[in-house]
C-alpha cells in the first residue's frame, strides 16, 4: 500500500521529508503534514543540515549517500529525496 509521503517506482523510492534542524539528536519523529518528520542536530547553515539529512537517510535506508538525491527543498524544511536501490520499507521507519 502506498502512503502519501512516499512513492515507489521500480528501484527508486521518493520520500517527502520535513526537517527540524538544531535538535538534540537525529531521529525520525513520525509523520507531519504528509511528510516524514526528521529531527537533525545540524543547524540549517551552509547546507550542513541537507548533508546530514542525506547521511542519516542513507543509514536508515541501508544505502550509500551517493544513492540519494535531494530533488526539492534545498533551502526549505519541506524536502523531496530520491533513494535508489533500498530494500527497506519506508513504513518500517515509523515503528
C-alpha atoms as a PDB file:
ATOM      1  CA  UNK A   1       0.000   0.000   0.000  1.00  0.00           C
ATOM      2  CA  UNK A   2       1.422   3.384  -0.972  1.00  0.00           C
ATOM      3  CA  UNK A   3       1.332   6.226   1.517  1.00  0.00           C
ATOM      4  CA  UNK A   4       1.117   9.895   0.516  1.00  0.00           C
ATOM      5  CA  UNK A   5       4.599  10.679   1.926  1.00  0.00           C
ATOM      6  CA  UNK A   6       6.483   8.252  -0.308  1.00  0.00           C
ATOM      7  CA  UNK A   7       6.259   6.734  -3.763  1.00  0.00           C
ATOM      8  CA  UNK A   8       7.960   3.570  -5.028  1.00  0.00           C
ATOM      9  CA  UNK A   9       8.653   3.124  -8.752  1.00  0.00           C
ATOM     10  CA  UNK A  10      10.848   0.125  -9.632  1.00  0.00           C
ATOM     11  CA  UNK A  11      14.021   0.548  -7.539  1.00  0.00           C
ATOM     12  CA  UNK A  12      13.546   4.309  -6.995  1.00  0.00           C
ATOM     13  CA  UNK A  13      11.889   5.492  -3.805  1.00  0.00           C
ATOM     14  CA  UNK A  14      10.802   9.126  -3.495  1.00  0.00           C
ATOM     15  CA  UNK A  15      10.243  10.351   0.062  1.00  0.00           C
ATOM     16  CA  UNK A  16       8.724  13.613   1.270  1.00  0.00           C
ATOM     17  CA  UNK A  17      10.604  14.811   4.372  1.00  0.00           C
ATOM     18  CA  UNK A  18      10.001  17.599   6.879  1.00  0.00           C
ATOM     19  CA  UNK A  19      13.263  18.521   8.654  1.00  0.00           C
ATOM     20  CA  UNK A  20      13.636  20.109  12.070  1.00  0.00           C
ATOM     21  CA  UNK A  21      17.279  21.239  12.361  1.00  0.00           C
ATOM     22  CA  UNK A  22      19.051  22.096  15.599  1.00  0.00           C
ATOM     23  CA  UNK A  23      17.592  19.202  17.604  1.00  0.00           C
ATOM     24  CA  UNK A  24      19.354  17.406  20.463  1.00  0.00           C
ATOM     25  CA  UNK A  25      19.674  14.183  18.427  1.00  0.00           C
ATOM     26  CA  UNK A  26      18.977  12.745  14.977  1.00  0.00           C
ATOM     27  CA  UNK A  27      15.698  10.854  14.927  1.00  0.00           C
ATOM     28  CA  UNK A  28      12.570  10.017  12.967  1.00  0.00           C
ATOM     29  CA  UNK A  29       9.647  11.579  14.832  1.00  0.00           C
ATOM     30  CA  UNK A  30       6.712  10.357  12.731  1.00  0.00           C
ATOM     31  CA  UNK A  31       4.522  11.991  10.119  1.00  0.00           C
ATOM     32  CA  UNK A  32       3.924  15.740   9.812  1.00  0.00           C
ATOM     33  CA  UNK A  33       1.553  17.206   7.194  1.00  0.00           C
ATOM     34  CA  UNK A  34       2.071  14.393   4.693  1.00  0.00           C
ATOM     35  CA  UNK A  35       5.854  14.132   5.191  1.00  0.00           C
ATOM     36  CA  UNK A  36       8.237  12.031   7.242  1.00  0.00           C
ATOM     37  CA  UNK A  37       9.400  14.303  10.085  1.00  0.00           C
ATOM     38  CA  UNK A  38      13.079  14.014  10.961  1.00  0.00           C
ATOM     39  CA  UNK A  39      14.947  15.918  13.668  1.00  0.00           C
ATOM     40  CA  UNK A  40      18.620  16.686  12.963  1.00  0.00           C
ATOM     41  CA  UNK A  41      21.357  18.003  15.232  1.00  0.00           C
ATOM     42  CA  UNK A  42      22.908  20.115  12.487  1.00  0.00           C
ATOM     43  CA  UNK A  43      21.978  23.799  12.137  1.00  0.00           C
ATOM     44  CA  UNK A  44      20.456  24.949   8.827  1.00  0.00           C
ATOM     45  CA  UNK A  45      23.597  26.822   7.748  1.00  0.00           C
ATOM     46  CA  UNK A  46      25.575  26.445   4.515  1.00  0.00           C
ATOM     47  CA  UNK A  47      23.752  23.254   3.520  1.00  0.00           C
ATOM     48  CA  UNK A  48      25.006  21.365   6.591  1.00  0.00           C
ATOM     49  CA  UNK A  49      21.512  20.147   7.523  1.00  0.00           C
ATOM     50  CA  UNK A  50      20.976  18.876   3.970  1.00  0.00           C
ATOM     51  CA  UNK A  51      24.248  16.928   4.082  1.00  0.00           C
ATOM     52  CA  UNK A  52      23.373  15.480   7.478  1.00  0.00           C
ATOM     53  CA  UNK A  53      19.884  14.562   6.239  1.00  0.00           C
ATOM     54  CA  UNK A  54      21.293  12.594   3.296  1.00  0.00           C
ATOM     55  CA  UNK A  55      23.830  10.867   5.537  1.00  0.00           C
ATOM     56  CA  UNK A  56      21.128   9.992   8.094  1.00  0.00           C
ATOM     57  CA  UNK A  57      18.724   8.727   5.408  1.00  0.00           C
ATOM     58  CA  UNK A  58      21.492   6.610   3.891  1.00  0.00           C
ATOM     59  CA  UNK A  59      21.837   4.820   7.250  1.00  0.00           C
ATOM     60  CA  UNK A  60      18.076   4.415   7.661  1.00  0.00           C
ATOM     61  CA  UNK A  61      17.620   3.005   4.147  1.00  0.00           C
ATOM     62  CA  UNK A  62      20.879   0.968   4.148  1.00  0.00           C
ATOM     63  CA  UNK A  63      22.329   2.573   1.019  1.00  0.00           C
ATOM     64  CA  UNK A  64      25.358   4.758   0.314  1.00  0.00           C
ATOM     65  CA  UNK A  65      24.977   8.533   0.266  1.00  0.00           C
ATOM     66  CA  UNK A  66      25.625   8.580  -3.498  1.00  0.00           C
ATOM     67  CA  UNK A  67      22.339   6.669  -3.973  1.00  0.00           C
ATOM     68  CA  UNK A  68      20.362   9.618  -2.561  1.00  0.00           C
ATOM     69  CA  UNK A  69      19.432  12.845  -4.325  1.00  0.00           C
ATOM     70  CA  UNK A  70      17.847  15.921  -2.805  1.00  0.00           C
ATOM     71  CA  UNK A  71      15.296  16.745  -5.510  1.00  0.00           C
ATOM     72  CA  UNK A  72      13.449  19.663  -3.895  1.00  0.00           C
ATOM     73  CA  UNK A  73      13.792  21.851  -0.834  1.00  0.00           C
ATOM     74  CA  UNK A  74      17.446  22.818  -0.690  1.00  0.00           C
ATOM     75  CA  UNK A  75      16.513  25.907   1.370  1.00  0.00           C
ATOM     76  CA  UNK A  76      13.269  24.682   2.906  1.00  0.00           C
ATOM     77  CA  UNK A  77      12.233  22.384   5.737  1.00  0.00           C
ATOM     78  CA  UNK A  78       9.998  20.542   3.254  1.00  0.00           C
ATOM     79  CA  UNK A  79      12.152  18.300   1.072  1.00  0.00           C
ATOM     80  CA  UNK A  80      11.832  15.593  -1.547  1.00  0.00           C
ATOM     81  CA  UNK A  81      14.541  12.929  -1.593  1.00  0.00           C
ATOM     82  CA  UNK A  82      15.104  10.186  -4.168  1.00  0.00           C
ATOM     83  CA  UNK A  83      16.623   6.908  -2.943  1.00  0.00           C
ATOM     84  CA  UNK A  84      17.856   4.268  -5.387  1.00  0.00           C
ATOM     85  CA  UNK A  85      18.243   0.575  -4.554  1.00  0.00           C
ATOM     86  CA  UNK A  86      16.949   0.375  -0.986  1.00  0.00           C
ATOM     87  CA  UNK A  87      15.169  -2.744   0.226  1.00  0.00           C
ATOM     88  CA  UNK A  88      13.965  -1.008   3.414  1.00  0.00           C
ATOM     89  CA  UNK A  89      10.244  -0.338   3.529  1.00  0.00           C
ATOM     90  CA  UNK A  90       9.564   3.327   4.403  1.00  0.00           C
ATOM     91  CA  UNK A  91       6.718   2.433   6.783  1.00  0.00           C
ATOM     92  CA  UNK A  92       9.205   0.445   8.903  1.00  0.00           C
ATOM     93  CA  UNK A  93      10.748   3.776   9.954  1.00  0.00           C
ATOM     94  CA  UNK A  94       7.549   4.646  11.808  1.00  0.00           C
ATOM     95  CA  UNK A  95       7.750   1.717  14.239  1.00  0.00           C
END
